[in-house]
């Protein structure tokens, strides 16, 4: 329970900071999506029940604060969380920083692709695919770099709290 509360507080405060302070900074393409990073971390290293409820709560908070359609961010983050939990028994869990960065890059591109598929039915005459490439690749690289640092920080925090499940080389 303390883990769900901790991730909820981290996500909520990051949403408040991202919605108020970070919108005034110049590089608007490079925005760290903390809700996405928490969902991926919980998909790889968290328990299924606590991780699922945390992702749903954080997705709903993100939807309430700035989604064009209610439930879209929740749907995308929960689908990525469930995808990771589905393929997790069939892959080696990334334990190095390079492997985590590669997975985060791939999943960030996948997240942008899911948003593209959802918006392609809404924006009939608009060209969304160039936006996916020119906005998605730098955003995915930035989230992969920052996400690796956040994963290392989460690991150290949970080891210091006495949660032995999060021991690893990361």
C-alpha atoms as a PDB file:
ATOM      1  CA  UNK A   1       0.000   0.000   0.000  1.00  0.00           C
ATOM      2  CA  UNK A   2       2.850   2.387   0.746  1.00  0.00           C
ATOM      3  CA  UNK A   3       4.163   1.712  -2.737  1.00  0.00           C
ATOM      4  CA  UNK A   4       0.853   2.708  -4.389  1.00  0.00           C
ATOM      5  CA  UNK A   5       0.723   5.874  -2.285  1.00  0.00           C
ATOM      6  CA  UNK A   6       4.335   6.737  -3.095  1.00  0.00           C
ATOM      7  CA  UNK A   7       3.838   6.344  -6.854  1.00  0.00           C
ATOM      8  CA  UNK A   8       0.565   8.263  -6.698  1.00  0.00           C
ATOM      9  CA  UNK A   9       2.225  11.171  -4.853  1.00  0.00           C
ATOM     10  CA  UNK A  10       5.195  11.216  -7.242  1.00  0.00           C
ATOM     11  CA  UNK A  11       2.890  11.148 -10.250  1.00  0.00           C
ATOM     12  CA  UNK A  12       0.504  13.764  -8.890  1.00  0.00           C
ATOM     13  CA  UNK A  13       3.249  16.226  -7.979  1.00  0.00           C
ATOM     14  CA  UNK A  14       4.953  15.691 -11.324  1.00  0.00           C
ATOM     15  CA  UNK A  15       1.644  16.382 -13.090  1.00  0.00           C
ATOM     16  CA  UNK A  16       1.210  19.610 -11.141  1.00  0.00           C
ATOM     17  CA  UNK A  17       4.776  20.724 -11.911  1.00  0.00           C
ATOM     18  CA  UNK A  18       4.475  19.658 -15.545  1.00  0.00           C
ATOM     19  CA  UNK A  19       1.174  21.498 -15.957  1.00  0.00           C
ATOM     20  CA  UNK A  20       2.272  24.719 -14.297  1.00  0.00           C
ATOM     21  CA  UNK A  21       6.017  25.316 -14.390  1.00  0.00           C
ATOM     22  CA  UNK A  22       7.322  23.212 -17.275  1.00  0.00           C
ATOM     23  CA  UNK A  23       4.912  24.642 -19.848  1.00  0.00           C
ATOM     24  CA  UNK A  24       6.760  27.961 -19.726  1.00  0.00           C
ATOM     25  CA  UNK A  25      10.149  26.463 -20.630  1.00  0.00           C
ATOM     26  CA  UNK A  26      11.259  26.749 -24.292  1.00  0.00           C
ATOM     27  CA  UNK A  27      11.863  23.136 -25.428  1.00  0.00           C
ATOM     28  CA  UNK A  28       8.265  21.956 -25.469  1.00  0.00           C
ATOM     29  CA  UNK A  29       9.128  18.882 -27.542  1.00  0.00           C
ATOM     30  CA  UNK A  30      11.316  17.458 -24.785  1.00  0.00           C
ATOM     31  CA  UNK A  31       8.804  16.805 -22.028  1.00  0.00           C
ATOM     32  CA  UNK A  32       9.345  14.026 -19.561  1.00  0.00           C
ATOM     33  CA  UNK A  33       6.236  11.892 -19.262  1.00  0.00           C
ATOM     34  CA  UNK A  34       6.500  10.725 -15.661  1.00  0.00           C
ATOM     35  CA  UNK A  35       3.170   8.874 -15.770  1.00  0.00           C
ATOM     36  CA  UNK A  36       4.461   6.822 -18.701  1.00  0.00           C
ATOM     37  CA  UNK A  37       7.760   6.124 -16.915  1.00  0.00           C
ATOM     38  CA  UNK A  38       6.001   5.043 -13.712  1.00  0.00           C
ATOM     39  CA  UNK A  39       3.729   2.720 -15.703  1.00  0.00           C
ATOM     40  CA  UNK A  40       6.720   1.127 -17.441  1.00  0.00           C
ATOM     41  CA  UNK A  41       8.638   0.774 -14.173  1.00  0.00           C
ATOM     42  CA  UNK A  42       5.655  -0.874 -12.508  1.00  0.00           C
ATOM     43  CA  UNK A  43       5.204  -3.118 -15.532  1.00  0.00           C
ATOM     44  CA  UNK A  44       8.758  -4.422 -15.281  1.00  0.00           C
ATOM     45  CA  UNK A  45       9.444  -4.404 -11.551  1.00  0.00           C
ATOM     46  CA  UNK A  46       6.185  -3.905  -9.658  1.00  0.00           C
ATOM     47  CA  UNK A  47       3.560  -6.361  -8.485  1.00  0.00           C
ATOM     48  CA  UNK A  48       0.523  -6.773 -10.721  1.00  0.00           C
ATOM     49  CA  UNK A  49      -2.227  -5.583  -8.339  1.00  0.00           C
ATOM     50  CA  UNK A  50      -0.465  -2.557  -6.882  1.00  0.00           C
ATOM     51  CA  UNK A  51       0.985  -1.612 -10.255  1.00  0.00           C
ATOM     52  CA  UNK A  52      -2.343  -1.870 -12.053  1.00  0.00           C
ATOM     53  CA  UNK A  53      -4.173   0.281  -9.533  1.00  0.00           C
ATOM     54  CA  UNK A  54      -1.373   2.836  -9.518  1.00  0.00           C
ATOM     55  CA  UNK A  55      -1.419   3.088 -13.316  1.00  0.00           C
ATOM     56  CA  UNK A  56      -5.206   3.493 -13.378  1.00  0.00           C
ATOM     57  CA  UNK A  57      -5.169   6.225 -10.693  1.00  0.00           C
ATOM     58  CA  UNK A  58      -2.305   8.125 -12.296  1.00  0.00           C
ATOM     59  CA  UNK A  59      -3.858   7.823 -15.745  1.00  0.00           C
ATOM     60  CA  UNK A  60      -7.141   9.217 -14.471  1.00  0.00           C
ATOM     61  CA  UNK A  61      -5.335  12.130 -12.803  1.00  0.00           C
ATOM     62  CA  UNK A  62      -3.476  12.860 -16.036  1.00  0.00           C
ATOM     63  CA  UNK A  63      -6.759  12.675 -17.950  1.00  0.00           C
ATOM     64  CA  UNK A  64      -8.428  15.113 -15.599  1.00  0.00           C
ATOM     65  CA  UNK A  65      -5.579  17.604 -15.848  1.00  0.00           C
ATOM     66  CA  UNK A  66      -5.071  17.737 -19.585  1.00  0.00           C
ATOM     67  CA  UNK A  67      -6.397  15.069 -21.887  1.00  0.00           C
ATOM     68  CA  UNK A  68      -8.387  15.969 -24.988  1.00  0.00           C
ATOM     69  CA  UNK A  69     -10.655  12.964 -24.385  1.00  0.00           C
ATOM     70  CA  UNK A  70     -11.367  11.580 -20.936  1.00  0.00           C
ATOM     71  CA  UNK A  71      -9.842   8.162 -20.505  1.00  0.00           C
ATOM     72  CA  UNK A  72      -7.315   8.316 -23.346  1.00  0.00           C
ATOM     73  CA  UNK A  73      -4.165   8.551 -21.223  1.00  0.00           C
ATOM     74  CA  UNK A  74      -5.536   5.910 -18.864  1.00  0.00           C
ATOM     75  CA  UNK A  75      -6.206   3.597 -21.792  1.00  0.00           C
ATOM     76  CA  UNK A  76      -2.755   4.045 -23.305  1.00  0.00           C
ATOM     77  CA  UNK A  77      -0.777   3.723 -20.058  1.00  0.00           C
ATOM     78  CA  UNK A  78      -2.825   0.755 -18.882  1.00  0.00           C
ATOM     79  CA  UNK A  79      -2.434  -0.968 -22.260  1.00  0.00           C
ATOM     80  CA  UNK A  80       1.360  -0.477 -22.122  1.00  0.00           C
ATOM     81  CA  UNK A  81       1.427  -1.774 -18.535  1.00  0.00           C
ATOM     82  CA  UNK A  82      -0.592  -4.855 -19.500  1.00  0.00           C
ATOM     83  CA  UNK A  83       1.536  -5.409 -22.627  1.00  0.00           C
ATOM     84  CA  UNK A  84       4.679  -5.460 -20.502  1.00  0.00           C
ATOM     85  CA  UNK A  85       3.061  -7.812 -17.986  1.00  0.00           C
ATOM     86  CA  UNK A  86       1.989 -10.070 -20.879  1.00  0.00           C
ATOM     87  CA  UNK A  87       5.429 -10.329 -22.471  1.00  0.00           C
ATOM     88  CA  UNK A  88       7.403 -10.240 -19.204  1.00  0.00           C
ATOM     89  CA  UNK A  89       7.597 -14.043 -18.757  1.00  0.00           C
ATOM     90  CA  UNK A  90       8.965 -14.376 -22.302  1.00  0.00           C
ATOM     91  CA  UNK A  91      11.763 -11.796 -22.121  1.00  0.00           C
ATOM     92  CA  UNK A  92      14.779 -11.141 -19.979  1.00  0.00           C
ATOM     93  CA  UNK A  93      14.058  -8.286 -17.590  1.00  0.00           C
ATOM     94  CA  UNK A  94      16.310  -5.363 -18.504  1.00  0.00           C
ATOM     95  CA  UNK A  95      18.885  -4.928 -15.772  1.00  0.00           C
ATOM     96  CA  UNK A  96      21.424  -2.647 -17.416  1.00  0.00           C
ATOM     97  CA  UNK A  97      20.955   1.020 -18.119  1.00  0.00           C
ATOM     98  CA  UNK A  98      21.378   0.511 -21.874  1.00  0.00           C
ATOM     99  CA  UNK A  99      18.705  -2.192 -22.026  1.00  0.00           C
ATOM    100  CA  UNK A 100      16.299  -0.045 -20.008  1.00  0.00           C
ATOM    101  CA  UNK A 101      16.930   2.903 -22.332  1.00  0.00           C
ATOM    102  CA  UNK A 102      16.293   0.738 -25.378  1.00  0.00           C
ATOM    103  CA  UNK A 103      13.008  -0.592 -23.944  1.00  0.00           C
ATOM    104  CA  UNK A 104      11.922   2.901 -22.941  1.00  0.00           C
ATOM    105  CA  UNK A 105      12.659   4.236 -26.432  1.00  0.00           C
ATOM    106  CA  UNK A 106      10.699   1.409 -28.066  1.00  0.00           C
ATOM    107  CA  UNK A 107       7.741   1.786 -25.689  1.00  0.00           C
ATOM    108  CA  UNK A 108       7.672   5.588 -26.064  1.00  0.00           C
ATOM    109  CA  UNK A 109       7.461   5.198 -29.847  1.00  0.00           C
ATOM    110  CA  UNK A 110       4.712   2.616 -29.307  1.00  0.00           C
ATOM    111  CA  UNK A 111       2.857   5.079 -27.047  1.00  0.00           C
ATOM    112  CA  UNK A 112       3.015   7.765 -29.728  1.00  0.00           C
ATOM    113  CA  UNK A 113       1.825   5.208 -32.284  1.00  0.00           C
ATOM    114  CA  UNK A 114      -1.185   4.319 -30.132  1.00  0.00           C
ATOM    115  CA  UNK A 115      -2.022   8.018 -29.812  1.00  0.00           C
ATOM    116  CA  UNK A 116      -1.644   8.297 -33.606  1.00  0.00           C
ATOM    117  CA  UNK A 117      -4.099   5.452 -34.137  1.00  0.00           C
ATOM    118  CA  UNK A 118      -6.583   6.997 -31.714  1.00  0.00           C
ATOM    119  CA  UNK A 119      -6.313  10.444 -33.314  1.00  0.00           C
ATOM    120  CA  UNK A 120      -6.319   9.229 -36.915  1.00  0.00           C
ATOM    121  CA  UNK A 121     -10.048   8.577 -36.681  1.00  0.00           C
ATOM    122  CA  UNK A 122     -10.679  11.984 -35.108  1.00  0.00           C
ATOM    123  CA  UNK A 123      -8.505  14.162 -37.361  1.00  0.00           C
ATOM    124  CA  UNK A 124      -9.752  13.052 -40.777  1.00  0.00           C
ATOM    125  CA  UNK A 125      -8.054  15.468 -43.135  1.00  0.00           C
ATOM    126  CA  UNK A 126      -4.978  16.258 -41.071  1.00  0.00           C
ATOM    127  CA  UNK A 127      -1.586  14.685 -41.462  1.00  0.00           C
ATOM    128  CA  UNK A 128      -0.651  13.174 -38.130  1.00  0.00           C
ATOM    129  CA  UNK A 129       2.129  10.817 -39.294  1.00  0.00           C
ATOM    130  CA  UNK A 130       4.815  13.525 -39.784  1.00  0.00           C
ATOM    131  CA  UNK A 131       3.948  14.790 -36.318  1.00  0.00           C
ATOM    132  CA  UNK A 132       4.520  11.275 -35.007  1.00  0.00           C
ATOM    133  CA  UNK A 133       8.020  11.146 -36.481  1.00  0.00           C
ATOM    134  CA  UNK A 134       9.253  14.672 -35.789  1.00  0.00           C
ATOM    135  CA  UNK A 135       7.740  14.875 -32.325  1.00  0.00           C
ATOM    136  CA  UNK A 136       7.885  11.203 -31.355  1.00  0.00           C
ATOM    137  CA  UNK A 137      11.556  10.380 -31.891  1.00  0.00           C
ATOM    138  CA  UNK A 138      13.058  13.275 -29.859  1.00  0.00           C
ATOM    139  CA  UNK A 139      10.428  12.724 -27.167  1.00  0.00           C
ATOM    140  CA  UNK A 140      11.229   8.997 -27.055  1.00  0.00           C
ATOM    141  CA  UNK A 141      14.975   9.663 -26.824  1.00  0.00           C
ATOM    142  CA  UNK A 142      14.459  12.168 -24.026  1.00  0.00           C
ATOM    143  CA  UNK A 143      12.148   9.835 -22.098  1.00  0.00           C
ATOM    144  CA  UNK A 144      14.643   6.981 -22.534  1.00  0.00           C
ATOM    145  CA  UNK A 145      17.505   9.045 -21.121  1.00  0.00           C
ATOM    146  CA  UNK A 146      15.572  10.560 -18.241  1.00  0.00           C
ATOM    147  CA  UNK A 147      13.712   7.312 -17.597  1.00  0.00           C
ATOM    148  CA  UNK A 148      16.957   5.414 -17.059  1.00  0.00           C
ATOM    149  CA  UNK A 149      17.906   7.883 -14.332  1.00  0.00           C
ATOM    150  CA  UNK A 150      14.437   7.679 -12.795  1.00  0.00           C
ATOM    151  CA  UNK A 151      14.567   3.858 -12.800  1.00  0.00           C
ATOM    152  CA  UNK A 152      17.922   3.924 -10.972  1.00  0.00           C
ATOM    153  CA  UNK A 153      16.467   6.360  -8.430  1.00  0.00           C
ATOM    154  CA  UNK A 154      13.362   4.196  -7.897  1.00  0.00           C
ATOM    155  CA  UNK A 155      15.558   1.137  -7.369  1.00  0.00           C
ATOM    156  CA  UNK A 156      17.661   2.908  -4.734  1.00  0.00           C
ATOM    157  CA  UNK A 157      14.596   4.283  -2.954  1.00  0.00           C
ATOM    158  CA  UNK A 158      12.863   0.906  -2.744  1.00  0.00           C
ATOM    159  CA  UNK A 159      16.019  -0.885  -1.608  1.00  0.00           C
ATOM    160  CA  UNK A 160      16.457   1.708   1.150  1.00  0.00           C
ATOM    161  CA  UNK A 161      12.798   1.218   2.154  1.00  0.00           C
ATOM    162  CA  UNK A 162      13.482  -2.494   2.612  1.00  0.00           C
ATOM    163  CA  UNK A 163      11.674  -3.783  -0.453  1.00  0.00           C
ATOM    164  CA  UNK A 164      13.953  -6.683  -1.419  1.00  0.00           C
ATOM    165  CA  UNK A 165      12.134  -7.441  -4.686  1.00  0.00           C
ATOM    166  CA  UNK A 166      13.774  -4.487  -6.403  1.00  0.00           C
ATOM    167  CA  UNK A 167      17.368  -5.619  -6.024  1.00  0.00           C
ATOM    168  CA  UNK A 168      19.236  -5.835  -9.271  1.00  0.00           C
ATOM    169  CA  UNK A 169      22.164  -4.510 -11.249  1.00  0.00           C
ATOM    170  CA  UNK A 170      20.314  -1.405 -12.392  1.00  0.00           C
END
